[in-house]
C-alpha atoms as a PDB file:
ATOM      1  CA  MET A   1      87.343 164.119 -45.652  1.00  0.00           C
ATOM      2  CA  ALA A   2      88.360 167.322 -43.867  1.00  0.00           C
ATOM      3  CA  HIS A   3      88.679 169.187 -47.152  1.00  0.00           C
ATOM      4  CA  GLU A   4      85.114 168.128 -48.054  1.00  0.00           C
ATOM      5  CA  LEU A   5      83.892 169.562 -44.763  1.00  0.00           C
ATOM      6  CA  PHE A   6      85.580 172.895 -45.477  1.00  0.00           C
ATOM      7  CA  GLU A   7      84.048 172.919 -48.973  1.00  0.00           C
ATOM      8  CA  LYS A   8      80.562 172.419 -47.512  1.00  0.00           C
ATOM      9  CA  ILE A   9      81.125 175.167 -44.973  1.00  0.00           C
ATOM     10  CA  LYS A  10      82.395 177.479 -47.711  1.00  0.00           C
ATOM     11  CA  GLU A  11      79.299 176.823 -49.821  1.00  0.00           C
ATOM     12  CA  GLY A  12      76.781 177.237 -47.012  1.00  0.00           C
ATOM     13  CA  HIS A  13      78.519 179.738 -44.736  1.00  0.00           C
ATOM     14  CA  PRO A  14      81.375 181.513 -46.528  1.00  0.00           C
ATOM     15  CA  GLU A  15      81.621 184.046 -43.698  1.00  0.00           C
ATOM     16  CA  VAL A  16      82.805 181.272 -41.361  1.00  0.00           C
ATOM     17  CA  ILE A  17      85.653 180.354 -43.718  1.00  0.00           C
ATOM     18  CA  GLU A  18      86.599 184.022 -44.079  1.00  0.00           C
ATOM     19  CA  ARG A  19      86.859 184.414 -40.286  1.00  0.00           C
ATOM     20  CA  CYS A  20      88.631 181.124 -39.688  1.00  0.00           C
ATOM     21  CA  GLU A  21      92.342 181.373 -38.865  1.00  0.00           C
ATOM     22  CA  TYR A  22      93.121 177.832 -37.708  1.00  0.00           C
ATOM     23  CA  GLY A  23      92.015 174.353 -38.748  1.00  0.00           C
ATOM     24  CA  ILE A  24      92.293 171.746 -35.996  1.00  0.00           C
ATOM     25  CA  ALA A  25      92.181 168.044 -36.834  1.00  0.00           C
ATOM     26  CA  ASP A  26      93.326 164.636 -35.719  1.00  0.00           C
ATOM     27  CA  ARG A  27      96.786 163.601 -36.884  1.00  0.00           C
ATOM     28  CA  GLY A  28      95.176 161.115 -39.253  1.00  0.00           C
ATOM     29  CA  TYR A  29      94.754 164.130 -41.550  1.00  0.00           C
ATOM     30  CA  ASP A  30      98.485 164.834 -41.804  1.00  0.00           C
ATOM     31  CA  ASP A  31      98.899 163.222 -45.242  1.00  0.00           C
ATOM     32  CA  GLY A  32      99.383 166.646 -46.790  1.00  0.00           C
ATOM     33  CA  LYS A  33      96.270 167.137 -48.889  1.00  0.00           C
ATOM     34  CA  PRO A  34      94.072 168.704 -46.193  1.00  0.00           C
ATOM     35  CA  ILE A  35      97.000 170.759 -44.941  1.00  0.00           C
ATOM     36  CA  ARG A  36      97.790 172.151 -48.385  1.00  0.00           C
ATOM     37  CA  LYS A  37      94.133 172.772 -49.148  1.00  0.00           C
ATOM     38  CA  LEU A  38      93.541 174.655 -45.904  1.00  0.00           C
ATOM     39  CA  TRP A  39      96.468 176.947 -46.565  1.00  0.00           C
ATOM     40  CA  ASP A  40      96.295 177.240 -50.356  1.00  0.00           C
ATOM     41  CA  ASP A  41      92.531 177.625 -50.721  1.00  0.00           C
ATOM     42  CA  TYR A  42      91.509 179.307 -47.477  1.00  0.00           C
ATOM     43  CA  ASP A  43      94.652 180.823 -45.851  1.00  0.00           C
ATOM     44  CA  ILE A  44      93.864 178.743 -42.757  1.00  0.00           C
ATOM     45  CA  LYS A  45      96.793 177.594 -40.624  1.00  0.00           C
ATOM     46  CA  ARG A  46      96.759 173.956 -39.693  1.00  0.00           C
ATOM     47  CA  VAL A  47      96.876 172.591 -36.177  1.00  0.00           C
ATOM     48  CA  ILE A  48      97.361 168.923 -36.965  1.00  0.00           C
ATOM     49  CA  SER A  49      99.843 166.735 -35.166  1.00  0.00           C
ATOM     50  CA  ASN A  50     102.441 165.338 -37.535  1.00  0.00           C
ATOM     51  CA  VAL A  51     102.818 161.553 -37.206  1.00  0.00           C
ATOM     52  CA  SER A  52     106.425 161.507 -38.441  1.00  0.00           C
ATOM     53  CA  ARG A  53     107.497 164.288 -36.100  1.00  0.00           C
ATOM     54  CA  ASP A  54     105.686 162.735 -33.133  1.00  0.00           C
ATOM     55  CA  THR A  55     107.331 159.362 -33.789  1.00  0.00           C
ATOM     56  CA  MET A  56     110.751 160.980 -34.079  1.00  0.00           C
ATOM     57  CA  LEU A  57     110.318 162.866 -30.787  1.00  0.00           C
ATOM     58  CA  ARG A  58     109.049 159.759 -29.006  1.00  0.00           C
ATOM     59  CA  ASN A  59     112.047 157.769 -30.251  1.00  0.00           C
ATOM     60  CA  GLN A  60     114.439 160.480 -29.077  1.00  0.00           C
ATOM     61  CA  MET A  61     112.860 160.453 -25.623  1.00  0.00           C
ATOM     62  CA  CYS A  62     113.136 156.655 -25.431  1.00  0.00           C
ATOM     63  CA  ARG A  63     116.812 156.768 -26.390  1.00  0.00           C
ATOM     64  CA  LYS A  64     117.508 159.358 -23.666  1.00  0.00           C
ATOM     65  CA  GLU A  65     115.687 157.244 -21.073  1.00  0.00           C
ATOM     66  CA  ASN A  66     117.687 154.153 -22.052  1.00  0.00           C
ATOM     67  CA  ARG A  67     121.016 155.973 -21.584  1.00  0.00           C
ATOM     68  CA  THR A  68     120.487 156.494 -17.874  1.00  0.00           C
END
């Protein structure tokens, strides 16, 4: 879905894609495809929360809280 949006923007307003440095999206887009497409096709850095990383950090925090 996100990659389709960037394609439409590129077609209609290529100057926006050329200026864009960061792509911000909900972590539901962290499956890899939009991330790779943003970087590979447009040189846009992603700002998308990673579900796996977030889960790992949350679990680490819970373990620390349970130790006290």
